[in-house]
Amino acid sequence: MFSKACKYAINSMVFLATLPDGKERAGIKDIAFAINSPEAFTAKILQTLVRENLLLSIKGPNGGFEISDLGKKSTLYRIVQVIDGDSIFVGCALGLQECSESHPCAVHHKFKAIRDHLTGMMMTTTRRDMAIGIQTGVSFLKT
């Protein structure tokens, strides 16, 4: 459903949200290891999140990445939108250029209900909500 980059972005944000108070910053090596992703690819994704003000990048010996104030308020929807765009929220299930109520594809009405539910879930799920599952051991960032 999501691109690899989007999965890594979500997991990076969740990992950073699980860090203890006072130690909310992590380096690229730690993040990539925690989410089982290649460092170079993860670095590019994190820079995108920095450009979109979801993360802060701190340089220096104690540097690393941390969630910005905007990132702390952001939902899963925003992370997906930043990395993958909004096609999952508005696109046609069958990939038609024109698909609407007045010109529906073969699965438009059934898919619209699913898409609307998915959009609602993503708009109300915060990175903190996802982090709780990791912290309590009921969810995982890697296999």
C-alpha atoms as a PDB file:
ATOM      1  CA  MET A   1       0.000   0.000   0.000  1.00  0.00           C
ATOM      2  CA  PHE A   2       2.822   2.423   0.883  1.00  0.00           C
ATOM      3  CA  SER A   3       6.145   2.858  -0.877  1.00  0.00           C
ATOM      4  CA  LYS A   4       9.277   1.592   0.857  1.00  0.00           C
ATOM      5  CA  ALA A   5      10.277   5.198   1.497  1.00  0.00           C
ATOM      6  CA  CYS A   6       6.945   5.878   3.178  1.00  0.00           C
ATOM      7  CA  LYS A   7       7.226   2.791   5.387  1.00  0.00           C
ATOM      8  CA  TYR A   8      10.699   3.888   6.481  1.00  0.00           C
ATOM      9  CA  ALA A   9       9.475   7.443   7.120  1.00  0.00           C
ATOM     10  CA  ILE A  10       6.617   6.203   9.303  1.00  0.00           C
ATOM     11  CA  ASN A  11       8.875   3.814  11.200  1.00  0.00           C
ATOM     12  CA  SER A  12      11.505   6.538  11.683  1.00  0.00           C
ATOM     13  CA  MET A  13       8.934   8.893  13.163  1.00  0.00           C
ATOM     14  CA  VAL A  14       7.589   6.129  15.397  1.00  0.00           C
ATOM     15  CA  PHE A  15      11.094   5.129  16.534  1.00  0.00           C
ATOM     16  CA  LEU A  16      11.922   8.732  17.439  1.00  0.00           C
ATOM     17  CA  ALA A  17       8.619   8.971  19.316  1.00  0.00           C
ATOM     18  CA  THR A  18       9.623   5.986  21.472  1.00  0.00           C
ATOM     19  CA  LEU A  19      12.813   7.604  22.742  1.00  0.00           C
ATOM     20  CA  PRO A  20      12.755   8.564  26.439  1.00  0.00           C
ATOM     21  CA  ASP A  21      12.231  12.148  27.572  1.00  0.00           C
ATOM     22  CA  GLY A  22      15.498  14.059  27.520  1.00  0.00           C
ATOM     23  CA  LYS A  23      16.944  11.736  24.864  1.00  0.00           C
ATOM     24  CA  GLU A  24      14.572  12.401  21.970  1.00  0.00           C
ATOM     25  CA  ARG A  25      17.393  12.652  19.397  1.00  0.00           C
ATOM     26  CA  ALA A  26      18.999   9.816  17.456  1.00  0.00           C
ATOM     27  CA  GLY A  27      21.668   9.532  14.788  1.00  0.00           C
ATOM     28  CA  ILE A  28      21.150   8.077  11.346  1.00  0.00           C
ATOM     29  CA  LYS A  29      22.923   4.816  12.231  1.00  0.00           C
ATOM     30  CA  ASP A  30      20.643   4.219  15.224  1.00  0.00           C
ATOM     31  CA  ILE A  31      17.508   5.047  13.277  1.00  0.00           C
ATOM     32  CA  ALA A  32      18.441   2.871  10.289  1.00  0.00           C
ATOM     33  CA  PHE A  33      19.317  -0.035  12.593  1.00  0.00           C
ATOM     34  CA  ALA A  34      16.105   0.334  14.596  1.00  0.00           C
ATOM     35  CA  ILE A  35      13.901   0.199  11.496  1.00  0.00           C
ATOM     36  CA  ASN A  36      16.074  -2.225   9.500  1.00  0.00           C
ATOM     37  CA  SER A  37      16.688   0.119   6.584  1.00  0.00           C
ATOM     38  CA  PRO A  38      19.736   1.154   4.529  1.00  0.00           C
ATOM     39  CA  GLU A  39      21.466   4.205   6.024  1.00  0.00           C
ATOM     40  CA  ALA A  40      21.819   6.205   2.796  1.00  0.00           C
ATOM     41  CA  PHE A  41      18.175   5.688   1.824  1.00  0.00           C
ATOM     42  CA  THR A  42      17.017   6.508   5.344  1.00  0.00           C
ATOM     43  CA  ALA A  43      19.105   9.693   5.330  1.00  0.00           C
ATOM     44  CA  LYS A  44      17.358  10.898   2.156  1.00  0.00           C
ATOM     45  CA  ILE A  45      13.948  10.164   3.631  1.00  0.00           C
ATOM     46  CA  LEU A  46      14.796  11.952   6.873  1.00  0.00           C
ATOM     47  CA  GLN A  47      15.999  15.001   4.934  1.00  0.00           C
ATOM     48  CA  THR A  48      12.602  15.125   3.219  1.00  0.00           C
ATOM     49  CA  LEU A  49      10.939  15.058   6.646  1.00  0.00           C
ATOM     50  CA  VAL A  50      13.277  17.864   7.760  1.00  0.00           C
ATOM     51  CA  ARG A  51      12.390  19.963   4.688  1.00  0.00           C
ATOM     52  CA  GLU A  52       8.707  19.494   5.518  1.00  0.00           C
ATOM     53  CA  ASN A  53       9.351  20.557   9.147  1.00  0.00           C
ATOM     54  CA  LEU A  54       8.354  17.209  10.656  1.00  0.00           C
ATOM     55  CA  LEU A  55      11.889  16.590  11.935  1.00  0.00           C
ATOM     56  CA  LEU A  56      14.815  18.705  13.070  1.00  0.00           C
ATOM     57  CA  SER A  57      18.365  17.891  12.008  1.00  0.00           C
ATOM     58  CA  ILE A  58      20.969  18.893  14.569  1.00  0.00           C
ATOM     59  CA  LYS A  59      24.624  18.944  13.519  1.00  0.00           C
ATOM     60  CA  GLY A  60      27.621  18.295  15.746  1.00  0.00           C
ATOM     61  CA  PRO A  61      28.911  15.609  18.096  1.00  0.00           C
ATOM     62  CA  ASN A  62      25.580  15.360  19.924  1.00  0.00           C
ATOM     63  CA  GLY A  63      23.599  15.853  16.748  1.00  0.00           C
ATOM     64  CA  GLY A  64      21.007  13.724  15.089  1.00  0.00           C
ATOM     65  CA  PHE A  65      17.334  13.853  14.255  1.00  0.00           C
ATOM     66  CA  GLU A  66      14.451  14.702  16.515  1.00  0.00           C
ATOM     67  CA  ILE A  67      10.767  15.322  16.005  1.00  0.00           C
ATOM     68  CA  SER A  68       9.896  18.996  15.544  1.00  0.00           C
ATOM     69  CA  ASP A  69       6.990  20.686  17.302  1.00  0.00           C
ATOM     70  CA  LEU A  70       4.988  20.405  14.073  1.00  0.00           C
ATOM     71  CA  GLY A  71       5.986  16.737  13.789  1.00  0.00           C
ATOM     72  CA  LYS A  72       4.716  16.101  17.302  1.00  0.00           C
ATOM     73  CA  LYS A  73       1.280  17.340  16.228  1.00  0.00           C
ATOM     74  CA  SER A  74       1.280  15.593  12.856  1.00  0.00           C
ATOM     75  CA  THR A  75      -0.741  12.532  12.002  1.00  0.00           C
ATOM     76  CA  LEU A  76       0.007   9.428   9.974  1.00  0.00           C
ATOM     77  CA  TYR A  77      -1.880  11.133   7.127  1.00  0.00           C
ATOM     78  CA  ARG A  78       0.694  13.948   6.959  1.00  0.00           C
ATOM     79  CA  ILE A  79       3.673  11.581   6.916  1.00  0.00           C
ATOM     80  CA  VAL A  80       2.141   9.574   4.066  1.00  0.00           C
ATOM     81  CA  GLN A  81       1.217  12.749   2.195  1.00  0.00           C
ATOM     82  CA  VAL A  82       4.770  14.126   2.475  1.00  0.00           C
ATOM     83  CA  ILE A  83       6.423  10.966   1.135  1.00  0.00           C
ATOM     84  CA  ASP A  84       3.858   9.322  -1.174  1.00  0.00           C
ATOM     85  CA  GLY A  85       1.557  12.221  -1.999  1.00  0.00           C
ATOM     86  CA  ASP A  86      -2.197  12.026  -1.706  1.00  0.00           C
ATOM     87  CA  SER A  87      -3.036   9.497  -4.437  1.00  0.00           C
ATOM     88  CA  ILE A  88      -3.953   6.847  -1.847  1.00  0.00           C
ATOM     89  CA  PHE A  89      -6.540   9.261  -0.467  1.00  0.00           C
ATOM     90  CA  VAL A  90      -8.032  10.487  -3.733  1.00  0.00           C
ATOM     91  CA  GLY A  91      -6.927   8.113  -6.492  1.00  0.00           C
ATOM     92  CA  CYS A  92      -8.927   5.542  -8.385  1.00  0.00           C
ATOM     93  CA  ALA A  93      -8.559   1.934  -7.211  1.00  0.00           C
ATOM     94  CA  LEU A  94      -8.192   0.810 -10.838  1.00  0.00           C
ATOM     95  CA  GLY A  95      -5.915   3.669 -11.831  1.00  0.00           C
ATOM     96  CA  LEU A  96      -8.342   5.518 -14.122  1.00  0.00           C
ATOM     97  CA  GLN A  97      -7.468   9.152 -14.812  1.00  0.00           C
ATOM     98  CA  GLU A  98     -11.096  10.174 -14.400  1.00  0.00           C
ATOM     99  CA  CYS A  99     -13.053   8.415 -11.676  1.00  0.00           C
ATOM    100  CA  SER A 100     -15.808  10.197  -9.801  1.00  0.00           C
ATOM    101  CA  GLU A 101     -19.377   9.904  -8.626  1.00  0.00           C
ATOM    102  CA  SER A 102     -20.569  10.912 -12.093  1.00  0.00           C
ATOM    103  CA  HIS A 103     -17.996   8.787 -13.955  1.00  0.00           C
ATOM    104  CA  PRO A 104     -17.163   5.847 -11.624  1.00  0.00           C
ATOM    105  CA  CYS A 105     -14.874   2.905 -12.287  1.00  0.00           C
ATOM    106  CA  ALA A 106     -16.165  -0.628 -11.716  1.00  0.00           C
ATOM    107  CA  VAL A 107     -15.271  -0.615  -7.993  1.00  0.00           C
ATOM    108  CA  HIS A 108     -15.600   3.122  -7.260  1.00  0.00           C
ATOM    109  CA  HIS A 109     -18.444   3.000  -4.750  1.00  0.00           C
ATOM    110  CA  LYS A 110     -17.051   0.093  -2.719  1.00  0.00           C
ATOM    111  CA  PHE A 111     -13.501   1.442  -2.801  1.00  0.00           C
ATOM    112  CA  LYS A 112     -14.636   4.952  -1.839  1.00  0.00           C
ATOM    113  CA  ALA A 113     -15.982   3.624   1.461  1.00  0.00           C
ATOM    114  CA  ILE A 114     -12.682   1.864   2.176  1.00  0.00           C
ATOM    115  CA  ARG A 115     -10.645   4.906   1.138  1.00  0.00           C
ATOM    116  CA  ASP A 116     -12.748   7.210   3.317  1.00  0.00           C
ATOM    117  CA  HIS A 117     -12.310   4.902   6.316  1.00  0.00           C
ATOM    118  CA  LEU A 118      -8.552   4.685   5.697  1.00  0.00           C
ATOM    119  CA  THR A 119      -8.280   8.459   5.389  1.00  0.00           C
ATOM    120  CA  GLY A 120     -10.194   8.961   8.640  1.00  0.00           C
ATOM    121  CA  MET A 121      -7.980   6.469  10.474  1.00  0.00           C
ATOM    122  CA  MET A 122      -4.797   8.144   9.199  1.00  0.00           C
ATOM    123  CA  MET A 123      -6.043  11.631  10.041  1.00  0.00           C
ATOM    124  CA  THR A 124      -6.681  10.620  13.644  1.00  0.00           C
ATOM    125  CA  THR A 125      -3.604   8.429  14.247  1.00  0.00           C
ATOM    126  CA  THR A 126      -0.609  10.285  15.656  1.00  0.00           C
ATOM    127  CA  ARG A 127       2.983   9.123  15.751  1.00  0.00           C
ATOM    128  CA  ARG A 128       2.489   8.952  19.531  1.00  0.00           C
ATOM    129  CA  ASP A 129      -0.435   6.538  19.105  1.00  0.00           C
ATOM    130  CA  MET A 130       1.810   4.267  17.055  1.00  0.00           C
ATOM    131  CA  ALA A 131       4.713   4.589  19.497  1.00  0.00           C
ATOM    132  CA  ILE A 132       2.624   3.283  22.402  1.00  0.00           C
ATOM    133  CA  GLY A 133       2.333  -0.122  20.711  1.00  0.00           C
ATOM    134  CA  ILE A 134       6.106  -0.280  20.285  1.00  0.00           C
ATOM    135  CA  GLN A 135       6.755   0.762  23.871  1.00  0.00           C
ATOM    136  CA  THR A 136       4.327  -1.817  25.271  1.00  0.00           C
ATOM    137  CA  GLY A 137       5.651  -4.605  23.036  1.00  0.00           C
ATOM    138  CA  VAL A 138       2.435  -5.242  21.070  1.00  0.00           C
ATOM    139  CA  SER A 139       3.813  -3.679  17.846  1.00  0.00           C
ATOM    140  CA  PHE A 140       7.190  -3.862  16.138  1.00  0.00           C
ATOM    141  CA  LEU A 141       9.350  -1.732  13.821  1.00  0.00           C
ATOM    142  CA  LYS A 142      11.132  -4.661  12.194  1.00  0.00           C
ATOM    143  CA  THR A 143      10.901  -8.415  11.902  1.00  0.00           C
END
